[in-house]
ModelCIF file with pLDDT and N, C-alpha, C, O atoms, coordinates in Angstrom:
data_MODEL
#
_entry.id   MODEL 
#
_entity.id                         1 
_entity.type                       polymer 
_entity.pdbx_number_of_molecules   1 
#
_entity_poly.entity_id                      1 
_entity_poly.type                           'polypeptide(L)' 
_entity_poly.nstd_linkage                   no 
_entity_poly.nstd_monomer                   no 
_entity_poly.pdbx_seq_one_letter_code       FVENVFSLPVDLPFSGYRKGIRAREILQKGLEKAIREKLQNAH 
_entity_poly.pdbx_seq_one_letter_code_can   FVENVFSLPVDLPFSGYRKGIRAREILQKGLEKAIREKLQNAH 
_entity_poly.pdbx_strand_id                 A 
#
loop_
_entity_poly_seq.entity_id 
_entity_poly_seq.num 
_entity_poly_seq.mon_id 
_entity_poly_seq.hetero 
1 1  PHE n 
1 2  VAL n 
1 3  GLU n 
1 4  ASN n 
1 5  VAL n 
1 6  PHE n 
1 7  SER n 
1 8  LEU n 
1 9  PRO n 
1 10 VAL n 
1 11 ASP n 
1 12 LEU n 
1 13 PRO n 
1 14 PHE n 
1 15 SER n 
1 16 GLY n 
1 17 TYR n 
1 18 ARG n 
1 19 LYS n 
1 20 GLY n 
1 21 ILE n 
1 22 ARG n 
1 23 ALA n 
1 24 ARG n 
1 25 GLU n 
1 26 ILE n 
1 27 LEU n 
1 28 GLN n 
1 29 LYS n 
1 30 GLY n 
1 31 LEU n 
1 32 GLU n 
1 33 LYS n 
1 34 ALA n 
1 35 ILE n 
1 36 ARG n 
1 37 GLU n 
1 38 LYS n 
1 39 LEU n 
1 40 GLN n 
1 41 ASN n 
1 42 ALA n 
1 43 HIS n 
#
_struct_asym.id          A 
_struct_asym.entity_id   1 
#
loop_
_ma_qa_metric.id 
_ma_qa_metric.mode 
_ma_qa_metric.name 
_ma_qa_metric.software_group_id 
_ma_qa_metric.type 
1 global pLDDT . pLDDT 
2 local  pLDDT . pLDDT 
#
_ma_qa_metric_global.metric_id      1 
_ma_qa_metric_global.metric_value   87.72 
_ma_qa_metric_global.model_id       1 
_ma_qa_metric_global.ordinal_id     1 
#
loop_
_ma_qa_metric_local.label_asym_id 
_ma_qa_metric_local.label_comp_id 
_ma_qa_metric_local.label_seq_id 
_ma_qa_metric_local.metric_id 
_ma_qa_metric_local.metric_value 
_ma_qa_metric_local.model_id 
_ma_qa_metric_local.ordinal_id 
A PHE 1  2 91.00 1 1  
A VAL 2  2 88.00 1 2  
A GLU 3  2 88.00 1 3  
A ASN 4  2 87.00 1 4  
A VAL 5  2 77.00 1 5  
A PHE 6  2 71.00 1 6  
A SER 7  2 75.00 1 7  
A LEU 8  2 76.00 1 8  
A PRO 9  2 77.00 1 9  
A VAL 10 2 79.00 1 10 
A ASP 11 2 78.00 1 11 
A LEU 12 2 80.00 1 12 
A PRO 13 2 81.00 1 13 
A PHE 14 2 81.00 1 14 
A SER 15 2 87.00 1 15 
A GLY 16 2 88.00 1 16 
A TYR 17 2 88.00 1 17 
A ARG 18 2 89.00 1 18 
A LYS 19 2 91.00 1 19 
A GLY 20 2 90.00 1 20 
A ILE 21 2 91.00 1 21 
A ARG 22 2 92.00 1 22 
A ALA 23 2 93.00 1 23 
A ARG 24 2 92.00 1 24 
A GLU 25 2 93.00 1 25 
A ILE 26 2 95.00 1 26 
A LEU 27 2 94.00 1 27 
A GLN 28 2 93.00 1 28 
A LYS 29 2 95.00 1 29 
A GLY 30 2 96.00 1 30 
A LEU 31 2 95.00 1 31 
A GLU 32 2 96.00 1 32 
A LYS 33 2 96.00 1 33 
A ALA 34 2 96.00 1 34 
A ILE 35 2 95.00 1 35 
A ARG 36 2 95.00 1 36 
A GLU 37 2 94.00 1 37 
A LYS 38 2 92.00 1 38 
A LEU 39 2 91.00 1 39 
A GLN 40 2 90.00 1 40 
A ASN 41 2 85.00 1 41 
A ALA 42 2 77.00 1 42 
A HIS 43 2 74.00 1 43 
#
loop_
_atom_site.group_PDB 
_atom_site.id 
_atom_site.type_symbol 
_atom_site.label_atom_id 
_atom_site.label_alt_id 
_atom_site.label_comp_id 
_atom_site.label_asym_id 
_atom_site.label_entity_id 
_atom_site.label_seq_id 
_atom_site.pdbx_PDB_ins_code 
_atom_site.Cartn_x 
_atom_site.Cartn_y 
_atom_site.Cartn_z 
_atom_site.occupancy 
_atom_site.B_iso_or_equiv 
_atom_site.pdbx_formal_charge 
_atom_site.auth_seq_id 
_atom_site.auth_comp_id 
_atom_site.auth_asym_id 
_atom_site.auth_atom_id 
_atom_site.pdbx_PDB_model_num 
ATOM 1   N N  . PHE A 1 1  ? 6.771  -5.875  1.371   1.00 91.00 ? 1  PHE A N  1 
ATOM 2   C CA . PHE A 1 1  ? 7.985  -5.709  2.174   1.00 91.00 ? 1  PHE A CA 1 
ATOM 3   C C  . PHE A 1 1  ? 8.781  -7.015  2.238   1.00 91.00 ? 1  PHE A C  1 
ATOM 4   O O  . PHE A 1 1  ? 9.993  -7.022  2.021   1.00 91.00 ? 1  PHE A O  1 
ATOM 5   N N  . VAL A 1 2  ? 8.088  -8.122  2.539   1.00 88.00 ? 2  VAL A N  1 
ATOM 6   C CA . VAL A 1 2  ? 8.758  -9.415  2.677   1.00 88.00 ? 2  VAL A CA 1 
ATOM 7   C C  . VAL A 1 2  ? 9.373  -9.860  1.356   1.00 88.00 ? 2  VAL A C  1 
ATOM 8   O O  . VAL A 1 2  ? 10.476 -10.407 1.337   1.00 88.00 ? 2  VAL A O  1 
ATOM 9   N N  . GLU A 1 3  ? 8.671  -9.630  0.258   1.00 88.00 ? 3  GLU A N  1 
ATOM 10  C CA . GLU A 1 3  ? 9.181  -10.038 -1.053  1.00 88.00 ? 3  GLU A CA 1 
ATOM 11  C C  . GLU A 1 3  ? 10.489 -9.335  -1.410  1.00 88.00 ? 3  GLU A C  1 
ATOM 12  O O  . GLU A 1 3  ? 11.258 -9.836  -2.230  1.00 88.00 ? 3  GLU A O  1 
ATOM 13  N N  . ASN A 1 4  ? 10.743 -8.178  -0.798  1.00 87.00 ? 4  ASN A N  1 
ATOM 14  C CA . ASN A 1 4  ? 11.930 -7.394  -1.152  1.00 87.00 ? 4  ASN A CA 1 
ATOM 15  C C  . ASN A 1 4  ? 12.907 -7.221  -0.002  1.00 87.00 ? 4  ASN A C  1 
ATOM 16  O O  . ASN A 1 4  ? 13.866 -6.457  -0.110  1.00 87.00 ? 4  ASN A O  1 
ATOM 17  N N  . VAL A 1 5  ? 12.667 -7.937  1.115   1.00 77.00 ? 5  VAL A N  1 
ATOM 18  C CA . VAL A 1 5  ? 13.466 -7.683  2.312   1.00 77.00 ? 5  VAL A CA 1 
ATOM 19  C C  . VAL A 1 5  ? 14.942 -8.031  2.129   1.00 77.00 ? 5  VAL A C  1 
ATOM 20  O O  . VAL A 1 5  ? 15.796 -7.439  2.789   1.00 77.00 ? 5  VAL A O  1 
ATOM 21  N N  . PHE A 1 6  ? 15.257 -8.975  1.249   1.00 71.00 ? 6  PHE A N  1 
ATOM 22  C CA . PHE A 1 6  ? 16.654 -9.344  1.035   1.00 71.00 ? 6  PHE A CA 1 
ATOM 23  C C  . PHE A 1 6  ? 17.138 -8.931  -0.357  1.00 71.00 ? 6  PHE A C  1 
ATOM 24  O O  . PHE A 1 6  ? 18.025 -9.568  -0.925  1.00 71.00 ? 6  PHE A O  1 
ATOM 25  N N  . SER A 1 7  ? 16.554 -7.871  -0.897  1.00 75.00 ? 7  SER A N  1 
ATOM 26  C CA . SER A 1 7  ? 16.964 -7.377  -2.203  1.00 75.00 ? 7  SER A CA 1 
ATOM 27  C C  . SER A 1 7  ? 18.387 -6.820  -2.142  1.00 75.00 ? 7  SER A C  1 
ATOM 28  O O  . SER A 1 7  ? 18.862 -6.414  -1.081  1.00 75.00 ? 7  SER A O  1 
ATOM 29  N N  . LEU A 1 8  ? 19.052 -6.807  -3.284  1.00 76.00 ? 8  LEU A N  1 
ATOM 30  C CA . LEU A 1 8  ? 20.362 -6.172  -3.358  1.00 76.00 ? 8  LEU A CA 1 
ATOM 31  C C  . LEU A 1 8  ? 20.202 -4.690  -3.023  1.00 76.00 ? 8  LEU A C  1 
ATOM 32  O O  . LEU A 1 8  ? 19.257 -4.057  -3.494  1.00 76.00 ? 8  LEU A O  1 
ATOM 33  N N  . PRO A 1 9  ? 21.106 -4.123  -2.218  1.00 77.00 ? 9  PRO A N  1 
ATOM 34  C CA . PRO A 1 9  ? 20.965 -2.722  -1.789  1.00 77.00 ? 9  PRO A CA 1 
ATOM 35  C C  . PRO A 1 9  ? 21.311 -1.743  -2.905  1.00 77.00 ? 9  PRO A C  1 
ATOM 36  O O  . PRO A 1 9  ? 22.264 -0.972  -2.792  1.00 77.00 ? 9  PRO A O  1 
ATOM 37  N N  . VAL A 1 10 ? 20.537 -1.780  -3.972  1.00 79.00 ? 10 VAL A N  1 
ATOM 38  C CA . VAL A 1 10 ? 20.715 -0.875  -5.109  1.00 79.00 ? 10 VAL A CA 1 
ATOM 39  C C  . VAL A 1 10 ? 19.519 0.069   -5.125  1.00 79.00 ? 10 VAL A C  1 
ATOM 40  O O  . VAL A 1 10 ? 18.414 -0.319  -5.506  1.00 79.00 ? 10 VAL A O  1 
ATOM 41  N N  . ASP A 1 11 ? 19.750 1.314   -4.705  1.00 78.00 ? 11 ASP A N  1 
ATOM 42  C CA . ASP A 1 11 ? 18.648 2.248   -4.527  1.00 78.00 ? 11 ASP A CA 1 
ATOM 43  C C  . ASP A 1 11 ? 18.349 2.980   -5.832  1.00 78.00 ? 11 ASP A C  1 
ATOM 44  O O  . ASP A 1 11 ? 18.749 4.128   -6.028  1.00 78.00 ? 11 ASP A O  1 
ATOM 45  N N  . LEU A 1 12 ? 17.637 2.289   -6.718  1.00 80.00 ? 12 LEU A N  1 
ATOM 46  C CA . LEU A 1 12 ? 17.228 2.851   -7.992  1.00 80.00 ? 12 LEU A CA 1 
ATOM 47  C C  . LEU A 1 12 ? 15.713 2.794   -8.108  1.00 80.00 ? 12 LEU A C  1 
ATOM 48  O O  . LEU A 1 12 ? 15.084 1.935   -7.492  1.00 80.00 ? 12 LEU A O  1 
ATOM 49  N N  . PRO A 1 13 ? 15.105 3.706   -8.897  1.00 81.00 ? 13 PRO A N  1 
ATOM 50  C CA . PRO A 1 13 ? 13.652 3.657   -9.085  1.00 81.00 ? 13 PRO A CA 1 
ATOM 51  C C  . PRO A 1 13 ? 13.216 2.293   -9.598  1.00 81.00 ? 13 PRO A C  1 
ATOM 52  O O  . PRO A 1 13 ? 13.862 1.719   -10.475 1.00 81.00 ? 13 PRO A O  1 
ATOM 53  N N  . PHE A 1 14 ? 12.124 1.775   -9.055  1.00 81.00 ? 14 PHE A N  1 
ATOM 54  C CA . PHE A 1 14 ? 11.524 0.501   -9.445  1.00 81.00 ? 14 PHE A CA 1 
ATOM 55  C C  . PHE A 1 14 ? 12.356 -0.724  -9.045  1.00 81.00 ? 14 PHE A C  1 
ATOM 56  O O  . PHE A 1 14 ? 12.006 -1.849  -9.401  1.00 81.00 ? 14 PHE A O  1 
ATOM 57  N N  . SER A 1 15 ? 13.453 -0.515  -8.310  1.00 87.00 ? 15 SER A N  1 
ATOM 58  C CA . SER A 1 15 ? 14.225 -1.661  -7.829  1.00 87.00 ? 15 SER A CA 1 
ATOM 59  C C  . SER A 1 15 ? 13.497 -2.315  -6.659  1.00 87.00 ? 15 SER A C  1 
ATOM 60  O O  . SER A 1 15 ? 12.676 -1.677  -5.999  1.00 87.00 ? 15 SER A O  1 
ATOM 61  N N  . GLY A 1 16 ? 13.799 -3.596  -6.401  1.00 88.00 ? 16 GLY A N  1 
ATOM 62  C CA . GLY A 1 16 ? 13.205 -4.281  -5.268  1.00 88.00 ? 16 GLY A CA 1 
ATOM 63  C C  . GLY A 1 16 ? 13.539 -3.595  -3.958  1.00 88.00 ? 16 GLY A C  1 
ATOM 64  O O  . GLY A 1 16 ? 12.718 -3.546  -3.042  1.00 88.00 ? 16 GLY A O  1 
ATOM 65  N N  . TYR A 1 17 ? 14.760 -3.063  -3.874  1.00 88.00 ? 17 TYR A N  1 
ATOM 66  C CA . TYR A 1 17 ? 15.189 -2.375  -2.660  1.00 88.00 ? 17 TYR A CA 1 
ATOM 67  C C  . TYR A 1 17 ? 14.318 -1.151  -2.406  1.00 88.00 ? 17 TYR A C  1 
ATOM 68  O O  . TYR A 1 17 ? 13.859 -0.930  -1.285  1.00 88.00 ? 17 TYR A O  1 
ATOM 69  N N  . ARG A 1 18 ? 14.087 -0.338  -3.473  1.00 89.00 ? 18 ARG A N  1 
ATOM 70  C CA . ARG A 1 18 ? 13.266 0.863   -3.323  1.00 89.00 ? 18 ARG A CA 1 
ATOM 71  C C  . ARG A 1 18 ? 11.817 0.490   -2.959  1.00 89.00 ? 18 ARG A C  1 
ATOM 72  O O  . ARG A 1 18 ? 11.195 1.153   -2.128  1.00 89.00 ? 18 ARG A O  1 
ATOM 73  N N  . LYS A 1 19 ? 11.285 -0.572  -3.581  1.00 91.00 ? 19 LYS A N  1 
ATOM 74  C CA . LYS A 1 19 ? 9.928  -1.017  -3.261  1.00 91.00 ? 19 LYS A CA 1 
ATOM 75  C C  . LYS A 1 19 ? 9.836  -1.469  -1.806  1.00 91.00 ? 19 LYS A C  1 
ATOM 76  O O  . LYS A 1 19 ? 8.855  -1.189  -1.116  1.00 91.00 ? 19 LYS A O  1 
ATOM 77  N N  . GLY A 1 20 ? 10.869 -2.171  -1.353  1.00 90.00 ? 20 GLY A N  1 
ATOM 78  C CA . GLY A 1 20 ? 10.882 -2.636  0.030   1.00 90.00 ? 20 GLY A CA 1 
ATOM 79  C C  . GLY A 1 20 ? 10.955 -1.495  1.018   1.00 90.00 ? 20 GLY A C  1 
ATOM 80  O O  . GLY A 1 20 ? 10.279 -1.515  2.047   1.00 90.00 ? 20 GLY A O  1 
ATOM 81  N N  . ILE A 1 21 ? 11.788 -0.477  0.708   1.00 91.00 ? 21 ILE A N  1 
ATOM 82  C CA . ILE A 1 21 ? 11.895 0.699   1.567   1.00 91.00 ? 21 ILE A CA 1 
ATOM 83  C C  . ILE A 1 21 ? 10.551 1.412   1.669   1.00 91.00 ? 21 ILE A C  1 
ATOM 84  O O  . ILE A 1 21 ? 10.124 1.798   2.757   1.00 91.00 ? 21 ILE A O  1 
ATOM 85  N N  . ARG A 1 22 ? 9.890  1.581   0.525   1.00 92.00 ? 22 ARG A N  1 
ATOM 86  C CA . ARG A 1 22 ? 8.599  2.264   0.510   1.00 92.00 ? 22 ARG A CA 1 
ATOM 87  C C  . ARG A 1 22 ? 7.560  1.473   1.313   1.00 92.00 ? 22 ARG A C  1 
ATOM 88  O O  . ARG A 1 22 ? 6.778  2.042   2.075   1.00 92.00 ? 22 ARG A O  1 
ATOM 89  N N  . ALA A 1 23 ? 7.570  0.148   1.124   1.00 93.00 ? 23 ALA A N  1 
ATOM 90  C CA . ALA A 1 23 ? 6.616  -0.693  1.859   1.00 93.00 ? 23 ALA A CA 1 
ATOM 91  C C  . ALA A 1 23 ? 6.881  -0.630  3.354   1.00 93.00 ? 23 ALA A C  1 
ATOM 92  O O  . ALA A 1 23 ? 5.947  -0.582  4.154   1.00 93.00 ? 23 ALA A O  1 
ATOM 93  N N  . ARG A 1 24 ? 8.161  -0.631  3.732   1.00 92.00 ? 24 ARG A N  1 
ATOM 94  C CA . ARG A 1 24 ? 8.499  -0.562  5.160   1.00 92.00 ? 24 ARG A CA 1 
ATOM 95  C C  . ARG A 1 24 ? 8.020  0.743   5.776   1.00 92.00 ? 24 ARG A C  1 
ATOM 96  O O  . ARG A 1 24 ? 7.506  0.750   6.894   1.00 92.00 ? 24 ARG A O  1 
ATOM 97  N N  . GLU A 1 25 ? 8.186  1.849   5.053   1.00 93.00 ? 25 GLU A N  1 
ATOM 98  C CA . GLU A 1 25 ? 7.760  3.147   5.573   1.00 93.00 ? 25 GLU A CA 1 
ATOM 99  C C  . GLU A 1 25 ? 6.250  3.184   5.800   1.00 93.00 ? 25 GLU A C  1 
ATOM 100 O O  . GLU A 1 25 ? 5.780  3.667   6.830   1.00 93.00 ? 25 GLU A O  1 
ATOM 101 N N  . ILE A 1 26 ? 5.495  2.667   4.822   1.00 95.00 ? 26 ILE A N  1 
ATOM 102 C CA . ILE A 1 26 ? 4.034  2.630   4.962   1.00 95.00 ? 26 ILE A CA 1 
ATOM 103 C C  . ILE A 1 26 ? 3.642  1.718   6.117   1.00 95.00 ? 26 ILE A C  1 
ATOM 104 O O  . ILE A 1 26 ? 2.763  2.047   6.914   1.00 95.00 ? 26 ILE A O  1 
ATOM 105 N N  . LEU A 1 27 ? 4.308  0.561   6.198   1.00 94.00 ? 27 LEU A N  1 
ATOM 106 C CA . LEU A 1 27 ? 4.006  -0.421  7.240   1.00 94.00 ? 27 LEU A CA 1 
ATOM 107 C C  . LEU A 1 27 ? 4.281  0.151   8.623   1.00 94.00 ? 27 LEU A C  1 
ATOM 108 O O  . LEU A 1 27 ? 3.483  -0.026  9.544   1.00 94.00 ? 27 LEU A O  1 
ATOM 109 N N  . GLN A 1 28 ? 5.410  0.838   8.768   1.00 93.00 ? 28 GLN A N  1 
ATOM 110 C CA . GLN A 1 28 ? 5.763  1.357   10.080  1.00 93.00 ? 28 GLN A CA 1 
ATOM 111 C C  . GLN A 1 28 ? 4.832  2.484   10.514  1.00 93.00 ? 28 GLN A C  1 
ATOM 112 O O  . GLN A 1 28 ? 4.601  2.664   11.709  1.00 93.00 ? 28 GLN A O  1 
ATOM 113 N N  . LYS A 1 29 ? 4.299  3.238   9.568   1.00 95.00 ? 29 LYS A N  1 
ATOM 114 C CA . LYS A 1 29 ? 3.303  4.255   9.919   1.00 95.00 ? 29 LYS A CA 1 
ATOM 115 C C  . LYS A 1 29 ? 2.049  3.596   10.492  1.00 95.00 ? 29 LYS A C  1 
ATOM 116 O O  . LYS A 1 29 ? 1.497  4.046   11.496  1.00 95.00 ? 29 LYS A O  1 
ATOM 117 N N  . GLY A 1 30 ? 1.612  2.524   9.837   1.00 96.00 ? 30 GLY A N  1 
ATOM 118 C CA . GLY A 1 30 ? 0.442  1.798   10.326  1.00 96.00 ? 30 GLY A CA 1 
ATOM 119 C C  . GLY A 1 30 ? 0.695  1.163   11.678  1.00 96.00 ? 30 GLY A C  1 
ATOM 120 O O  . GLY A 1 30 ? -0.175 1.170   12.549  1.00 96.00 ? 30 GLY A O  1 
ATOM 121 N N  . LEU A 1 31 ? 1.896  0.612   11.856  1.00 95.00 ? 31 LEU A N  1 
ATOM 122 C CA . LEU A 1 31 ? 2.232  -0.021  13.130  1.00 95.00 ? 31 LEU A CA 1 
ATOM 123 C C  . LEU A 1 31 ? 2.332  1.010   14.252  1.00 95.00 ? 31 LEU A C  1 
ATOM 124 O O  . LEU A 1 31 ? 1.907  0.754   15.379  1.00 95.00 ? 31 LEU A O  1 
ATOM 125 N N  . GLU A 1 32 ? 2.889  2.162   13.940  1.00 96.00 ? 32 GLU A N  1 
ATOM 126 C CA . GLU A 1 32 ? 2.994  3.206   14.964  1.00 96.00 ? 32 GLU A CA 1 
ATOM 127 C C  . GLU A 1 32 ? 1.610  3.650   15.431  1.00 96.00 ? 32 GLU A C  1 
ATOM 128 O O  . GLU A 1 32 ? 1.385  3.851   16.625  1.00 96.00 ? 32 GLU A O  1 
ATOM 129 N N  . LYS A 1 33 ? 0.696  3.801   14.494  1.00 96.00 ? 33 LYS A N  1 
ATOM 130 C CA . LYS A 1 33 ? -0.672 4.170   14.851  1.00 96.00 ? 33 LYS A CA 1 
ATOM 131 C C  . LYS A 1 33 ? -1.286 3.105   15.761  1.00 96.00 ? 33 LYS A C  1 
ATOM 132 O O  . LYS A 1 33 ? -1.921 3.429   16.765  1.00 96.00 ? 33 LYS A O  1 
ATOM 133 N N  . ALA A 1 34 ? -1.088 1.810   15.397  1.00 96.00 ? 34 ALA A N  1 
ATOM 134 C CA . ALA A 1 34 ? -1.648 0.713   16.192  1.00 96.00 ? 34 ALA A CA 1 
ATOM 135 C C  . ALA A 1 34 ? -1.009 0.644   17.576  1.00 96.00 ? 34 ALA A C  1 
ATOM 136 O O  . ALA A 1 34 ? -1.689 0.357   18.561  1.00 96.00 ? 34 ALA A O  1 
ATOM 137 N N  . ILE A 1 35 ? 0.286  0.903   17.653  1.00 95.00 ? 35 ILE A N  1 
ATOM 138 C CA . ILE A 1 35 ? 0.990  0.865   18.944  1.00 95.00 ? 35 ILE A CA 1 
ATOM 139 C C  . ILE A 1 35 ? 0.482  1.976   19.856  1.00 95.00 ? 35 ILE A C  1 
ATOM 140 O O  . ILE A 1 35 ? 0.230  1.746   21.039  1.00 95.00 ? 35 ILE A O  1 
ATOM 141 N N  . ARG A 1 36 ? 0.332  3.178   19.307  1.00 95.00 ? 36 ARG A N  1 
ATOM 142 C CA . ARG A 1 36 ? -0.141 4.311   20.120  1.00 95.00 ? 36 ARG A CA 1 
ATOM 143 C C  . ARG A 1 36 ? -1.560 4.045   20.642  1.00 95.00 ? 36 ARG A C  1 
ATOM 144 O O  . ARG A 1 36 ? -1.860 4.331   21.801  1.00 95.00 ? 36 ARG A O  1 
ATOM 145 N N  . GLU A 1 37 ? -2.423 3.501   19.790  1.00 94.00 ? 37 GLU A N  1 
ATOM 146 C CA . GLU A 1 37 ? -3.786 3.177   20.223  1.00 94.00 ? 37 GLU A CA 1 
ATOM 147 C C  . GLU A 1 37 ? -3.755 2.098   21.298  1.00 94.00 ? 37 GLU A C  1 
ATOM 148 O O  . GLU A 1 37 ? -4.539 2.135   22.247  1.00 94.00 ? 37 GLU A O  1 
ATOM 149 N N  . LYS A 1 38 ? -2.853 1.144   21.147  1.00 92.00 ? 38 LYS A N  1 
ATOM 150 C CA . LYS A 1 38 ? -2.735 0.065   22.134  1.00 92.00 ? 38 LYS A CA 1 
ATOM 151 C C  . LYS A 1 38 ? -2.291 0.614   23.493  1.00 92.00 ? 38 LYS A C  1 
ATOM 152 O O  . LYS A 1 38 ? -2.828 0.231   24.533  1.00 92.00 ? 38 LYS A O  1 
ATOM 153 N N  . LEU A 1 39 ? -1.300 1.520   23.472  1.00 91.00 ? 39 LEU A N  1 
ATOM 154 C CA . LEU A 1 39 ? -0.788 2.086   24.712  1.00 91.00 ? 39 LEU A CA 1 
ATOM 155 C C  . LEU A 1 39 ? -1.851 2.930   25.411  1.00 91.00 ? 39 LEU A C  1 
ATOM 156 O O  . LEU A 1 39 ? -1.897 2.979   26.640  1.00 91.00 ? 39 LEU A O  1 
ATOM 157 N N  . GLN A 1 40 ? -2.696 3.589   24.638  1.00 90.00 ? 40 GLN A N  1 
ATOM 158 C CA . GLN A 1 40 ? -3.770 4.402   25.215  1.00 90.00 ? 40 GLN A CA 1 
ATOM 159 C C  . GLN A 1 40 ? -4.852 3.542   25.868  1.00 90.00 ? 40 GLN A C  1 
ATOM 160 O O  . GLN A 1 40 ? -5.524 3.985   26.799  1.00 90.00 ? 40 GLN A O  1 
ATOM 161 N N  . ASN A 1 41 ? -5.016 2.320   25.379  1.00 85.00 ? 41 ASN A N  1 
ATOM 162 C CA . ASN A 1 41 ? -6.053 1.423   25.895  1.00 85.00 ? 41 ASN A CA 1 
ATOM 163 C C  . ASN A 1 41 ? -5.461 0.255   26.683  1.00 85.00 ? 41 ASN A C  1 
ATOM 164 O O  . ASN A 1 41 ? -6.044 -0.828  26.739  1.00 85.00 ? 41 ASN A O  1 
ATOM 165 N N  . ALA A 1 42 ? -4.296 0.488   27.291  1.00 77.00 ? 42 ALA A N  1 
ATOM 166 C CA . ALA A 1 42 ? -3.576 -0.592  27.980  1.00 77.00 ? 42 ALA A CA 1 
ATOM 167 C C  . ALA A 1 42 ? -4.382 -1.203  29.112  1.00 77.00 ? 42 ALA A C  1 
ATOM 168 O O  . ALA A 1 42 ? -4.190 -2.371  29.450  1.00 77.00 ? 42 ALA A O  1 
ATOM 169 N N  . HIS A 1 43 ? -5.293 -0.420  29.707  1.00 74.00 ? 43 HIS A N  1 
ATOM 170 C CA . HIS A 1 43 ? -6.074 -0.924  30.846  1.00 74.00 ? 43 HIS A CA 1 
ATOM 171 C C  . HIS A 1 43 ? -7.176 -1.884  30.409  1.00 74.00 ? 43 HIS A C  1 
ATOM 172 O O  . HIS A 1 43 ? -7.919 -2.393  31.248  1.00 74.00 ? 43 HIS A O  1 
#
């Protein structure tokens, strides 16, 4: 994600932008899971 965060916004297959978008989506799924678990165990 970091390697492609400032890529040119050209949404083509195998472009840095597309790789960054895909990485962000995977990352945010993992973060959402961690956030929900954290909120459940807040005490």
